[in-house]
Amino acid sequence: MVIVGDTNFQCDLQNDGFIQLYSLLSAYNINHCDDFITGNNQRVVTYVNESLGQCSFIDHMFVSDTVRQHIMSGVIFDSGANVSDHMQIVYCFQFGSSISASKLVSTRSRSKYHSWRWDKADLSYYYNYSCQFLGDVVLPSVCDCVTGCRDVTHLQSINVYYESIVSALLNAAYSYIPRLPCHSLKPFWSEEFLHNSRLCPLITICPWFMSVN
């Protein structure tokens, strides 16, 4: 997992914002990568506002341990094309791959995307069965917890609850909503006809006029 963005705080255990985020990320073995940029330099900044006289290091990248081991380097990049008061953080990764390019191409060529045809579905069946599937979803007890709770186990329970709702709706949709491969249906009008109709709108509006004359 890779998370990059402006957090509005420095990755410092003395900072309240980072402490709250750290309690969540550490449960998933996710850490910041500031050390690849700063090294022994603690005065690195990614945000500079000259009019306010403010500067800070508030842009970060967080990665899981399995990704972190592939980071080669990190730098702060700024150029004349950057009109933002934030500077870019750039990391270089080195990943090994045992999959040949030919296998990747063949895998991608077999991938098919489908679209839901809600206009062809019996929505009453979908509503009835989605109601049944949703009825099987167990409401976690942590929903009675106080607002603003940061307990990791509670957050995980909420994620499972959310995934269960999505799964119930998808199961109902897969059962009763038709799906067709994208671009499998041909348009009623040909591209040539549509092109000519834009050039000569009178033909499409009054075809009987052209036949009479």
Protein backbone atom coordinates (compact mmCIF):
# COMPACT_ATOMS: atom_id res chain seq x y z
CA MET A 1 0.00 0.00 0.00
CA VAL A 2 1.17 3.51 -0.86
CA ILE A 3 -0.39 6.70 0.54
CA VAL A 4 0.89 10.11 -0.55
CA GLY A 5 -0.43 13.53 0.36
CA ASP A 6 -0.50 16.68 2.44
CA THR A 7 -1.21 15.72 6.07
CA ASN A 8 -0.83 19.22 7.56
CA PHE A 9 1.51 17.89 10.24
CA GLN A 10 5.05 16.61 10.60
CA CYS A 11 5.73 12.94 11.26
CA ASP A 12 6.83 13.52 14.83
CA LEU A 13 5.66 11.59 17.88
CA GLN A 14 5.37 14.94 19.66
CA ASN A 15 2.68 15.99 17.17
CA ASP A 16 -0.92 15.14 18.16
CA GLY A 17 -2.06 14.72 14.53
CA PHE A 18 0.68 12.22 13.75
CA ILE A 19 0.08 10.32 17.00
CA GLN A 20 -3.55 9.67 16.01
CA LEU A 21 -2.58 8.55 12.50
CA TYR A 22 0.32 6.45 13.75
CA SER A 23 -1.93 4.36 15.98
CA LEU A 24 -3.91 3.35 12.89
CA LEU A 25 -1.05 2.88 10.41
CA SER A 26 1.11 0.85 12.77
CA ALA A 27 -1.67 -1.73 13.08
CA TYR A 28 -1.27 -2.40 9.34
CA ASN A 29 2.55 -2.21 9.30
CA ILE A 30 2.53 1.09 7.43
CA ASN A 31 5.21 3.70 8.08
CA HIS A 32 6.29 7.07 6.71
CA CYS A 33 9.33 7.40 4.42
CA ASP A 34 10.68 10.78 5.52
CA ASP A 35 14.03 9.25 6.45
CA PHE A 36 14.78 8.60 2.76
CA ILE A 37 14.57 12.38 2.17
CA THR A 38 15.83 13.96 5.37
CA GLY A 39 18.72 11.69 6.32
CA ASN A 40 20.56 13.70 8.98
CA ASN A 41 19.05 16.96 7.74
CA GLN A 42 16.15 17.94 10.00
CA ARG A 43 15.46 21.26 8.25
CA VAL A 44 13.91 19.84 5.08
CA VAL A 45 10.61 21.51 4.06
CA THR A 46 7.94 20.71 1.48
CA TYR A 47 5.69 23.73 2.11
CA VAL A 48 6.84 27.31 1.74
CA ASN A 49 4.64 30.42 1.99
CA GLU A 50 6.86 33.44 1.60
CA SER A 51 4.09 36.00 2.17
CA LEU A 52 3.29 34.46 5.57
CA GLY A 53 6.87 33.55 6.33
CA GLN A 54 5.86 29.93 6.96
CA CYS A 55 7.59 26.69 5.97
CA SER A 56 7.24 23.11 7.14
CA PHE A 57 7.57 19.44 6.22
CA ILE A 58 3.92 18.39 5.91
CA ASP A 59 3.86 16.32 2.68
CA HIS A 60 4.61 12.65 3.23
CA MET A 61 4.48 9.18 1.75
CA PHE A 62 3.34 6.21 3.83
CA VAL A 63 3.95 2.64 2.63
CA SER A 64 3.55 -0.88 3.93
CA ASP A 65 6.68 -2.78 4.97
CA THR A 66 6.53 -4.99 1.88
CA VAL A 67 6.78 -1.90 -0.33
CA ARG A 68 9.25 0.04 1.81
CA GLN A 69 12.02 -2.50 1.22
CA HIS A 70 11.98 -1.62 -2.49
CA ILE A 71 12.56 2.15 -2.04
CA MET A 72 15.93 3.22 -3.44
CA SER A 73 15.87 6.95 -2.73
CA GLY A 74 13.68 9.98 -2.07
CA VAL A 75 14.07 13.66 -2.91
CA ILE A 76 12.12 16.89 -2.79
CA PHE A 77 11.71 18.19 -6.33
CA ASP A 78 10.94 21.76 -7.27
CA SER A 79 11.02 23.51 -10.63
CA GLY A 80 9.93 26.72 -12.28
CA ALA A 81 6.84 24.94 -13.59
CA ASN A 82 5.53 24.43 -10.06
CA VAL A 83 3.17 27.26 -9.12
CA SER A 84 2.05 25.64 -5.86
CA ASP A 85 3.39 26.49 -2.42
CA HIS A 86 3.96 22.74 -1.96
CA MET A 87 6.97 20.99 -3.46
CA GLN A 88 6.83 17.50 -4.89
CA ILE A 89 8.24 14.49 -3.07
CA VAL A 90 9.70 11.94 -5.46
CA TYR A 91 10.68 8.38 -4.59
CA CYS A 92 12.47 5.78 -6.70
CA PHE A 93 11.51 2.13 -6.38
CA GLN A 94 13.17 -1.01 -7.66
CA PHE A 95 10.85 -3.97 -8.08
CA GLY A 96 11.81 -7.38 -9.35
CA SER A 97 9.46 -9.35 -11.58
CA SER A 98 9.40 -13.00 -12.53
CA ILE A 99 6.58 -12.51 -15.04
CA SER A 100 7.61 -12.10 -18.65
CA ALA A 101 6.24 -9.29 -20.80
CA SER A 102 4.50 -11.76 -23.12
CA LYS A 103 2.52 -13.20 -20.19
CA LEU A 104 1.48 -9.73 -19.10
CA VAL A 105 0.25 -8.88 -22.59
CA SER A 106 -1.71 -12.12 -22.92
CA THR A 107 -3.29 -11.58 -19.49
CA ARG A 108 -4.35 -8.04 -20.31
CA SER A 109 -5.77 -9.06 -23.68
CA ARG A 110 -8.09 -11.56 -21.97
CA SER A 111 -9.43 -9.00 -19.50
CA LYS A 112 -13.04 -8.05 -20.17
CA TYR A 113 -15.07 -5.30 -18.58
CA HIS A 114 -18.81 -5.52 -18.17
CA SER A 115 -21.51 -2.93 -17.62
CA TRP A 116 -24.68 -3.35 -15.60
CA ARG A 117 -27.88 -3.20 -17.67
CA TRP A 118 -30.29 -1.80 -15.09
CA ASP A 119 -32.72 -0.92 -17.87
CA LYS A 120 -33.09 -4.65 -18.67
CA ALA A 121 -33.44 -5.85 -15.09
CA ASP A 122 -36.44 -6.72 -12.97
CA LEU A 123 -35.78 -4.26 -10.18
CA SER A 124 -38.42 -5.75 -7.90
CA TYR A 125 -36.38 -8.97 -7.66
CA TYR A 126 -33.23 -6.97 -7.00
CA TYR A 127 -34.88 -4.95 -4.23
CA ASN A 128 -36.34 -8.04 -2.57
CA TYR A 129 -33.13 -10.05 -2.60
CA SER A 130 -30.89 -7.13 -1.66
CA CYS A 131 -33.16 -6.69 1.35
CA GLN A 132 -32.68 -10.36 2.26
CA PHE A 133 -28.91 -10.23 1.81
CA LEU A 134 -28.67 -7.03 3.85
CA GLY A 135 -30.74 -8.66 6.58
CA ASP A 136 -27.96 -11.23 7.04
CA VAL A 137 -25.36 -8.53 7.74
CA VAL A 138 -24.49 -8.48 11.43
CA LEU A 139 -24.44 -5.06 13.05
CA PRO A 140 -21.16 -4.69 15.01
CA SER A 141 -21.45 -3.85 18.68
CA VAL A 142 -18.86 -1.08 18.29
CA CYS A 143 -21.52 1.07 16.61
CA ASP A 144 -22.55 2.04 20.14
CA CYS A 145 -19.07 3.39 20.85
CA VAL A 146 -18.47 7.09 21.51
CA THR A 147 -17.95 9.54 18.66
CA GLY A 148 -14.31 10.00 17.70
CA CYS A 149 -13.18 6.57 18.92
CA ARG A 150 -9.75 5.59 17.54
CA ASP A 151 -9.61 2.02 18.79
CA VAL A 152 -8.01 -0.05 15.99
CA THR A 153 -10.23 -3.10 16.60
CA HIS A 154 -13.31 -0.89 16.38
CA LEU A 155 -12.11 0.61 13.10
CA GLN A 156 -11.50 -2.85 11.70
CA SER A 157 -15.01 -3.94 12.71
CA ILE A 158 -16.47 -0.93 10.91
CA ASN A 159 -14.47 -1.82 7.77
CA VAL A 160 -15.80 -5.39 7.89
CA TYR A 161 -19.33 -4.04 8.36
CA TYR A 162 -18.93 -1.77 5.32
CA GLU A 163 -17.52 -4.59 3.18
CA SER A 164 -20.42 -6.84 4.20
CA ILE A 165 -22.94 -4.23 3.00
CA VAL A 166 -21.16 -3.84 -0.33
CA SER A 167 -20.93 -7.62 -0.74
CA ALA A 168 -24.67 -8.04 -0.06
CA LEU A 169 -25.59 -5.46 -2.71
CA LEU A 170 -23.19 -7.00 -5.23
CA ASN A 171 -24.56 -10.51 -4.64
CA ALA A 172 -28.07 -9.27 -5.34
CA ALA A 173 -26.90 -7.40 -8.44
CA TYR A 174 -24.96 -10.39 -9.84
CA SER A 175 -28.05 -12.55 -9.36
CA TYR A 176 -30.67 -10.32 -10.96
CA ILE A 177 -29.01 -7.53 -12.97
CA PRO A 178 -27.86 -8.48 -16.50
CA ARG A 179 -24.28 -7.67 -17.46
CA LEU A 180 -22.89 -7.20 -20.94
CA PRO A 181 -19.29 -6.81 -22.13
CA CYS A 182 -18.49 -3.18 -22.75
CA HIS A 183 -18.67 -2.12 -26.42
CA SER A 184 -20.42 -5.38 -27.33
CA LEU A 185 -23.46 -3.57 -28.76
CA LYS A 186 -23.19 -1.72 -32.04
CA PRO A 187 -24.75 1.76 -32.37
CA PHE A 188 -27.98 2.01 -34.34
CA TRP A 189 -26.59 4.79 -36.57
CA SER A 190 -23.30 4.30 -38.40
CA GLU A 191 -20.45 6.76 -37.94
CA GLU A 192 -20.71 7.75 -41.61
CA PHE A 193 -24.39 8.62 -41.24
CA LEU A 194 -23.77 10.66 -38.09
CA HIS A 195 -20.93 12.52 -39.81
CA ASN A 196 -23.10 13.36 -42.82
CA SER A 197 -26.01 14.40 -40.62
CA ARG A 198 -23.84 16.96 -38.89
CA LEU A 199 -22.78 18.36 -42.26
CA CYS A 200 -26.29 18.37 -43.73
CA PRO A 201 -28.86 18.59 -40.92
CA LEU A 202 -31.67 19.13 -43.46
CA ILE A 203 -31.31 15.52 -44.60
CA THR A 204 -32.03 14.15 -41.15
CA ILE A 205 -34.81 16.63 -40.38
CA CYS A 206 -36.71 16.40 -43.66
CA PRO A 207 -35.72 13.28 -45.62
CA TRP A 208 -39.06 13.43 -47.49
CA PHE A 209 -38.06 16.88 -48.83
CA MET A 210 -34.93 15.45 -50.45
CA SER A 211 -36.85 12.57 -52.04
CA VAL A 212 -39.49 14.88 -53.51
CA ASN A 213 -36.97 17.21 -55.04
